[in-house]
């Protein structure tokens, strides 16, 4: 049996990211959040178009240095940075360090001063605001992320030696549509210029990706127009955005073979090789992963065409990839093709649970891989 496989269509990814870049205003830098998917092929493809990469750990810094040795991270973020993390950021020559707290800023300043360096920083600020419609809220209330507006204002006015405050970083929510994301960015811009005198603002990512509508896309042209209007009020400020999921989710698929079908209390279950230890996204977000069937001719028992629940090989009832999937008859030996698996998929999966073999990784289209499944 062929092992489950991730398939990345790098040509489609290149077209998608070029389309995003083309509709963004000139004063908007497009960074890619490496945490979404650090696959080397994806990073090399994106490097031809994006303005930089955002890393959030020493491991991501090392990975970038290996895959793209001439492209140090444009931004280094993440909560709970140790002194070792900050030293690694200095050594890697990152463009901007996103500082999470006053204590972190003073530790970074001490380390930079000892190294006879001055490091450029953005202060991560937890601004108040309405995150209505967001799938994940990171700010606007009590949060481990960022510092208060009052702390940021004070630190920007009197930064310690060794750091240069360029502006503000504020990633407040995820799962926002284009008007909401642009309104959030505009609010951050207005506050950062008025209260901190910022020349740079990083509004984060958080662009909506709808797993229930795999053909839908974030309205990048509309978002670009709204950002242009926001920047018109601040002609000397540069804006950065750092999407991850909305860039790569659509270029990845998870393909796996059906190993069994069975009924339980009137419900059909389709058991596949692999499972959520390969593709954790549906378990993490509580949704059904979009799926279709590549039928290979009946090679074993089959369902009767009623909706099915697709499960994997783990010893837990939570190992569910899709529920009530209306995909028609499914037979043992068919290949299931799960879409939207290009972000927060393999790289966030609990891959060591039960110690199953990892998936394979291929480039191309899912159609070609499914047609040549046994090769």
Protein backbone atom coordinates (compact mmCIF):
# COMPACT_ATOMS: atom_id res chain seq x y z
CA UNK A 1 0.00 0.00 0.00
CA UNK A 2 1.21 3.52 -0.84
CA UNK A 3 1.78 5.69 2.22
CA UNK A 4 -0.38 8.76 2.72
CA UNK A 5 1.08 11.79 0.98
CA UNK A 6 1.04 15.55 1.10
CA UNK A 7 0.96 17.07 -2.36
CA UNK A 8 2.00 20.68 -2.92
CA UNK A 9 1.20 22.44 -6.19
CA UNK A 10 4.05 24.96 -6.23
CA UNK A 11 3.07 26.40 -9.62
CA UNK A 12 -0.39 27.24 -8.30
CA UNK A 13 1.16 28.72 -5.16
CA UNK A 14 3.43 30.97 -7.23
CA UNK A 15 0.42 32.28 -9.19
CA UNK A 16 -1.61 32.82 -6.02
CA UNK A 17 1.05 34.78 -4.14
CA UNK A 18 1.90 36.86 -7.21
CA UNK A 19 -1.76 37.81 -7.42
CA UNK A 20 -1.73 38.91 -3.79
CA UNK A 21 1.41 40.98 -4.23
CA UNK A 22 0.01 42.65 -7.36
CA UNK A 23 -3.04 44.11 -5.60
CA UNK A 24 -1.27 45.44 -2.51
CA UNK A 25 -0.19 49.11 -2.40
CA UNK A 26 3.46 49.99 -2.85
CA UNK A 27 3.93 50.88 0.81
CA UNK A 28 2.70 47.49 2.01
CA UNK A 29 5.31 44.79 2.62
CA UNK A 30 4.08 41.22 2.22
CA UNK A 31 5.73 38.86 4.71
CA UNK A 32 5.02 35.15 5.01
CA UNK A 33 4.49 33.64 8.46
CA UNK A 34 6.75 30.58 8.40
CA UNK A 35 4.72 28.90 11.16
CA UNK A 36 1.91 28.26 8.66
CA UNK A 37 4.01 25.80 6.65
CA UNK A 38 7.83 25.70 6.64
CA UNK A 39 8.15 23.21 3.78
CA UNK A 40 11.38 24.04 1.90
CA UNK A 41 9.71 23.95 -1.52
CA UNK A 42 7.02 26.33 -0.34
CA UNK A 43 9.57 28.73 1.16
CA UNK A 44 11.70 28.75 -2.00
CA UNK A 45 8.63 29.36 -4.15
CA UNK A 46 7.43 32.24 -1.99
CA UNK A 47 10.90 33.79 -1.80
CA UNK A 48 10.56 34.89 -5.43
CA UNK A 49 7.61 37.14 -4.57
CA UNK A 50 7.23 38.00 -0.89
CA UNK A 51 9.11 40.86 0.73
CA UNK A 52 10.32 38.72 3.62
CA UNK A 53 9.60 36.05 6.18
CA UNK A 54 8.38 36.18 9.78
CA UNK A 55 9.93 33.65 12.16
CA UNK A 56 8.76 32.88 15.69
CA UNK A 57 11.44 30.59 17.13
CA UNK A 58 15.11 29.74 16.97
CA UNK A 59 14.16 26.63 15.05
CA UNK A 60 12.46 28.70 12.36
CA UNK A 61 15.48 31.00 12.19
CA UNK A 62 17.78 28.01 11.68
CA UNK A 63 15.42 26.51 9.12
CA UNK A 64 15.30 29.74 7.12
CA UNK A 65 19.08 30.00 7.23
CA UNK A 66 19.34 26.49 5.79
CA UNK A 67 16.67 26.80 3.10
CA UNK A 68 17.27 30.46 2.17
CA UNK A 69 20.77 31.36 3.39
CA UNK A 70 20.65 34.79 1.73
CA UNK A 71 17.26 35.79 3.22
CA UNK A 72 17.43 36.44 6.97
CA UNK A 73 14.05 36.77 8.64
CA UNK A 74 12.45 40.16 8.15
CA UNK A 75 10.71 39.82 11.51
CA UNK A 76 11.23 37.76 14.65
CA UNK A 77 8.16 37.38 16.83
CA UNK A 78 6.61 35.14 19.45
CA UNK A 79 5.91 35.30 23.19
CA UNK A 80 8.22 34.04 25.92
CA UNK A 81 11.52 34.84 24.23
CA UNK A 82 14.51 33.73 26.28
CA UNK A 83 17.87 35.46 26.27
CA UNK A 84 19.08 32.67 23.98
CA UNK A 85 16.24 33.46 21.57
CA UNK A 86 17.15 37.13 21.52
CA UNK A 87 20.84 36.40 21.00
CA UNK A 88 19.90 34.11 18.11
CA UNK A 89 17.84 36.91 16.56
CA UNK A 90 20.78 39.30 16.84
CA UNK A 91 23.13 36.72 15.33
CA UNK A 92 20.74 35.99 12.46
CA UNK A 93 20.50 39.66 11.55
CA UNK A 94 16.71 39.78 11.59
CA UNK A 95 15.19 42.97 10.30
CA UNK A 96 12.81 43.68 13.16
CA UNK A 97 12.30 42.08 16.57
CA UNK A 98 8.69 42.19 17.77
CA UNK A 99 8.91 42.87 21.49
CA UNK A 100 6.16 41.47 23.72
CA UNK A 101 6.74 43.24 27.05
CA UNK A 102 8.76 45.97 28.78
CA UNK A 103 10.93 43.31 30.45
CA UNK A 104 11.69 41.70 27.08
CA UNK A 105 12.63 45.08 25.62
CA UNK A 106 15.09 45.79 28.43
CA UNK A 107 16.65 42.31 28.13
CA UNK A 108 17.04 42.79 24.37
CA UNK A 109 18.55 46.23 24.90
CA UNK A 110 21.07 44.84 27.38
CA UNK A 111 22.09 42.06 25.01
CA UNK A 112 22.32 44.39 22.01
CA UNK A 113 24.34 46.93 23.97
CA UNK A 114 26.77 44.22 25.13
CA UNK A 115 27.20 43.21 21.48
CA UNK A 116 27.77 46.87 20.48
CA UNK A 117 24.64 46.72 18.37
CA UNK A 118 21.50 48.75 17.94
CA UNK A 119 18.50 46.60 17.02
CA UNK A 120 15.30 47.79 15.35
CA UNK A 121 12.12 46.77 17.14
CA UNK A 122 8.38 46.96 16.84
CA UNK A 123 6.43 47.02 20.09
CA UNK A 124 3.64 44.46 20.12
CA UNK A 125 0.60 46.25 21.52
CA UNK A 126 -2.63 44.76 22.80
CA UNK A 127 -5.01 47.47 21.61
CA UNK A 128 -8.68 47.58 22.57
CA UNK A 129 -11.11 46.92 19.77
CA UNK A 130 -14.02 44.92 18.44
CA UNK A 131 -13.00 41.56 16.97
CA UNK A 132 -16.50 40.62 15.90
CA UNK A 133 -16.55 37.79 13.38
CA UNK A 134 -13.06 36.59 14.28
CA UNK A 135 -12.35 32.88 14.58
CA UNK A 136 -9.48 33.49 17.00
CA UNK A 137 -8.99 36.55 19.20
CA UNK A 138 -5.46 37.50 20.26
CA UNK A 139 -6.02 40.95 21.75
CA UNK A 140 -8.54 43.56 22.81
CA UNK A 141 -8.75 42.13 26.33
CA UNK A 142 -6.66 40.21 28.87
CA UNK A 143 -4.08 38.34 26.82
CA UNK A 144 -0.59 36.85 27.10
CA UNK A 145 0.30 38.60 23.85
CA UNK A 146 1.77 42.09 23.70
CA UNK A 147 1.86 45.01 26.09
CA UNK A 148 -0.66 47.65 27.07
CA UNK A 149 -1.02 50.84 25.01
CA UNK A 150 0.24 52.84 27.99
CA UNK A 151 3.40 50.73 28.27
CA UNK A 152 4.06 51.02 24.55
CA UNK A 153 3.63 54.79 24.57
CA UNK A 154 6.06 55.15 27.48
CA UNK A 155 8.70 52.85 25.96
CA UNK A 156 8.52 54.49 22.55
CA UNK A 157 9.12 57.90 24.11
CA UNK A 158 12.13 56.75 26.16
CA UNK A 159 13.62 53.51 24.81
CA UNK A 160 16.71 52.02 26.48
CA UNK A 161 20.10 52.18 24.79
CA UNK A 162 20.64 49.41 22.30
CA UNK A 163 17.18 49.44 20.70
CA UNK A 164 15.51 51.67 18.14
CA UNK A 165 11.71 51.69 18.25
CA UNK A 166 10.42 51.87 14.69
CA UNK A 167 6.77 51.40 15.44
CA UNK A 168 4.10 48.90 16.42
CA UNK A 169 3.05 45.31 15.81
CA UNK A 170 -0.55 44.38 16.59
CA UNK A 171 -2.05 41.05 15.54
CA UNK A 172 -5.42 41.21 17.25
CA UNK A 173 -7.54 38.50 15.61
CA UNK A 174 -7.69 35.80 12.94
CA UNK A 175 -10.43 34.71 10.58
CA UNK A 176 -11.34 38.24 9.46
CA UNK A 177 -12.87 39.08 6.10
CA UNK A 178 -11.33 41.83 3.99
CA UNK A 179 -13.34 44.79 5.36
CA UNK A 180 -12.78 43.70 8.98
CA UNK A 181 -9.07 43.01 8.44
CA UNK A 182 -8.58 46.37 6.72
CA UNK A 183 -10.52 48.21 9.42
CA UNK A 184 -8.32 46.58 12.07
CA UNK A 185 -5.18 47.57 10.19
CA UNK A 186 -6.43 51.13 9.84
CA UNK A 187 -7.19 51.40 13.55
CA UNK A 188 -3.69 50.16 14.39
CA UNK A 189 -2.15 52.61 11.91
CA UNK A 190 -4.08 55.57 13.29
CA UNK A 191 -3.19 54.72 16.88
CA UNK A 192 0.47 53.97 16.19
CA UNK A 193 1.07 57.22 14.35
CA UNK A 194 -0.82 59.38 16.83
CA UNK A 195 0.46 57.83 20.06
CA UNK A 196 3.86 56.37 19.22
CA UNK A 197 4.97 58.39 16.21
CA UNK A 198 5.43 55.14 14.30
CA UNK A 199 7.08 55.04 10.89
CA UNK A 200 6.34 51.32 10.55
CA UNK A 201 3.31 49.27 11.50
CA UNK A 202 2.87 45.51 11.29
CA UNK A 203 -0.82 44.61 11.29
CA UNK A 204 -0.21 40.85 11.37
CA UNK A 205 -2.20 38.32 9.38
CA UNK A 206 -5.49 36.66 10.23
CA UNK A 207 -7.13 36.74 6.78
CA UNK A 208 -10.16 34.45 6.72
CA UNK A 209 -9.94 30.95 5.24
CA UNK A 210 -13.27 29.13 5.03
CA UNK A 211 -12.85 25.34 5.15
CA UNK A 212 -16.57 24.92 4.51
CA UNK A 213 -16.18 26.76 1.19
CA UNK A 214 -12.92 25.54 -0.38
CA UNK A 215 -13.49 27.52 -3.59
CA UNK A 216 -13.89 30.82 -1.74
CA UNK A 217 -10.98 33.20 -1.33
CA UNK A 218 -10.15 36.20 0.81
CA UNK A 219 -10.92 39.41 -1.14
CA UNK A 220 -7.32 40.51 -1.70
CA UNK A 221 -8.18 43.24 -4.29
CA UNK A 222 -10.73 44.79 -1.95
CA UNK A 223 -8.33 44.54 0.97
CA UNK A 224 -5.60 46.23 -1.07
CA UNK A 225 -7.88 49.12 -1.97
CA UNK A 226 -8.88 49.63 1.66
CA UNK A 227 -5.26 49.55 2.81
CA UNK A 228 -4.40 52.13 0.18
CA UNK A 229 -7.09 54.44 1.57
CA UNK A 230 -5.78 53.92 5.11
CA UNK A 231 -2.20 54.67 4.08
CA UNK A 232 -3.23 57.84 2.25
CA UNK A 233 -3.80 59.44 5.65
CA UNK A 234 -0.24 58.54 6.70
CA UNK A 235 2.07 59.24 3.74
CA UNK A 236 5.33 58.53 5.60
CA UNK A 237 4.35 55.21 7.22
CA UNK A 238 5.16 51.75 5.89
CA UNK A 239 2.73 48.92 6.60
CA UNK A 240 3.59 45.24 6.90
CA UNK A 241 1.22 42.29 6.79
CA UNK A 242 2.21 38.69 7.49
CA UNK A 243 -0.39 36.17 6.30
CA UNK A 244 0.31 32.46 6.47
CA UNK A 245 -2.77 30.24 6.13
CA UNK A 246 -4.39 32.46 3.46
CA UNK A 247 -1.27 32.14 1.30
CA UNK A 248 -0.55 28.41 1.37
CA UNK A 249 -3.71 26.58 2.50
CA UNK A 250 -5.03 26.20 -1.02
CA UNK A 251 -1.86 24.76 -2.58
CA UNK A 252 -1.74 21.62 -0.40
CA UNK A 253 -3.65 18.33 -0.34
CA UNK A 254 -3.49 15.23 1.85
CA UNK A 255 -4.08 11.98 -0.02
CA UNK A 256 -4.65 8.65 1.68
CA UNK A 257 -6.06 5.23 0.86
CA UNK A 258 -9.22 3.68 2.30
CA UNK A 259 -8.36 0.54 4.28
CA UNK A 260 -11.82 -0.37 5.61
CA UNK A 261 -15.50 0.63 5.56
CA UNK A 262 -18.08 -0.43 8.12
CA UNK A 263 -21.45 0.45 9.62
CA UNK A 264 -21.97 1.19 13.29
CA UNK A 265 -25.47 1.84 14.64
CA UNK A 266 -26.62 2.81 11.15
CA UNK A 267 -23.72 5.15 10.38
CA UNK A 268 -20.99 4.55 7.81
CA UNK A 269 -17.37 4.87 8.86
CA UNK A 270 -14.55 5.02 6.34
CA UNK A 271 -11.16 4.11 7.84
CA UNK A 272 -8.08 5.48 6.07
CA UNK A 273 -4.36 5.03 6.44
CA UNK A 274 -2.96 7.94 8.43
CA UNK A 275 -5.31 10.31 10.22
CA UNK A 276 -5.10 13.36 12.44
CA UNK A 277 -1.52 12.52 13.46
CA UNK A 278 -0.74 13.53 9.87
CA UNK A 279 -3.44 16.18 9.37
CA UNK A 280 -4.42 17.77 12.67
CA UNK A 281 -6.25 20.75 11.15
CA UNK A 282 -9.81 19.37 11.43
CA UNK A 283 -9.27 18.32 15.05
CA UNK A 284 -7.61 21.63 15.93
CA UNK A 285 -10.31 23.79 14.34
CA UNK A 286 -13.28 21.50 14.96
CA UNK A 287 -14.37 21.21 11.34
CA UNK A 288 -14.61 18.63 8.59
CA UNK A 289 -11.74 18.80 6.13
CA UNK A 290 -13.01 19.22 2.55
CA UNK A 291 -12.72 15.82 0.84
CA UNK A 292 -13.46 14.11 -2.46
CA UNK A 293 -13.01 10.54 -3.62
CA UNK A 294 -10.70 9.30 -6.34
CA UNK A 295 -12.36 6.01 -7.24
CA UNK A 296 -10.06 3.24 -8.34
CA UNK A 297 -12.57 0.49 -9.13
CA UNK A 298 -14.10 -1.59 -6.40
CA UNK A 299 -11.30 -3.48 -4.64
CA UNK A 300 -13.16 -4.41 -1.50
CA UNK A 301 -16.25 -3.58 0.57
CA UNK A 302 -18.02 -0.32 -0.27
CA UNK A 303 -20.52 2.05 1.30
CA UNK A 304 -23.99 2.50 -0.17
CA UNK A 305 -23.53 6.20 -1.02
CA UNK A 306 -24.89 7.61 2.24
CA UNK A 307 -22.84 10.28 4.10
CA UNK A 308 -19.74 8.92 5.82
CA UNK A 309 -17.48 9.79 8.74
CA UNK A 310 -13.81 9.52 7.79
CA UNK A 311 -11.49 8.34 10.55
CA UNK A 312 -7.84 7.41 10.85
CA UNK A 313 -5.75 4.77 12.58
CA UNK A 314 -5.38 6.28 16.05
CA UNK A 315 -6.79 4.72 19.24
CA UNK A 316 -9.04 7.67 20.01
CA UNK A 317 -12.54 8.69 18.89
CA UNK A 318 -11.14 12.16 18.18
CA UNK A 319 -9.23 10.88 15.16
CA UNK A 320 -11.83 12.25 12.73
CA UNK A 321 -10.97 13.95 9.44
CA UNK A 322 -14.52 14.57 8.19
CA UNK A 323 -18.05 14.01 9.47
CA UNK A 324 -21.21 13.41 7.43
CA UNK A 325 -19.22 13.80 4.22
CA UNK A 326 -21.58 13.47 1.26
CA UNK A 327 -19.09 12.00 -1.23
CA UNK A 328 -21.05 9.13 -2.73
CA UNK A 329 -20.02 5.46 -2.54
CA UNK A 330 -16.58 4.78 -1.05
CA UNK A 331 -14.76 1.47 -1.45
CA UNK A 332 -11.69 -0.06 0.12
CA UNK A 333 -8.74 0.94 -2.07
CA UNK A 334 -10.16 4.31 -3.10
CA UNK A 335 -8.00 7.36 -2.49
CA UNK A 336 -9.45 10.25 -0.51
CA UNK A 337 -8.20 13.70 -1.46
CA UNK A 338 -8.39 16.25 1.36
CA UNK A 339 -8.14 19.83 0.14
CA UNK A 340 -6.87 22.96 1.91
CA UNK A 341 -4.01 21.09 3.58
CA UNK A 342 -1.26 23.56 2.74
CA UNK A 343 -1.14 25.32 6.12
CA UNK A 344 -1.18 24.33 9.80
CA UNK A 345 -1.45 20.67 8.81
CA UNK A 346 1.54 18.32 9.04
CA UNK A 347 3.64 20.85 10.94
CA UNK A 348 1.16 21.07 13.85
CA UNK A 349 0.24 17.38 13.97
CA UNK A 350 0.88 15.06 16.94
CA UNK A 351 3.04 12.95 14.69
CA UNK A 352 4.62 10.75 17.38
CA UNK A 353 1.34 9.44 18.81
CA UNK A 354 1.37 5.64 18.16
CA UNK A 355 4.57 6.10 16.12
CA UNK A 356 2.98 5.51 12.74
CA UNK A 357 5.17 6.19 9.70
CA UNK A 358 5.13 9.79 8.45
CA UNK A 359 3.47 10.72 5.15
CA UNK A 360 5.34 11.19 1.92
CA UNK A 361 5.75 14.63 0.35
CA UNK A 362 5.31 15.24 -3.35
CA UNK A 363 4.98 18.19 -5.70
CA UNK A 364 2.48 18.43 -8.52
CA UNK A 365 -1.28 18.26 -8.68
CA UNK A 366 -3.44 15.93 -6.58
CA UNK A 367 -5.03 14.57 -9.76
CA UNK A 368 -1.69 13.40 -11.11
CA UNK A 369 -0.66 11.85 -7.81
CA UNK A 370 -4.00 10.05 -7.40
CA UNK A 371 -3.84 8.68 -10.94
CA UNK A 372 -0.38 7.30 -10.27
CA UNK A 373 -1.05 6.29 -6.67
CA UNK A 374 0.67 2.90 -6.78
CA UNK A 375 3.77 4.14 -8.61
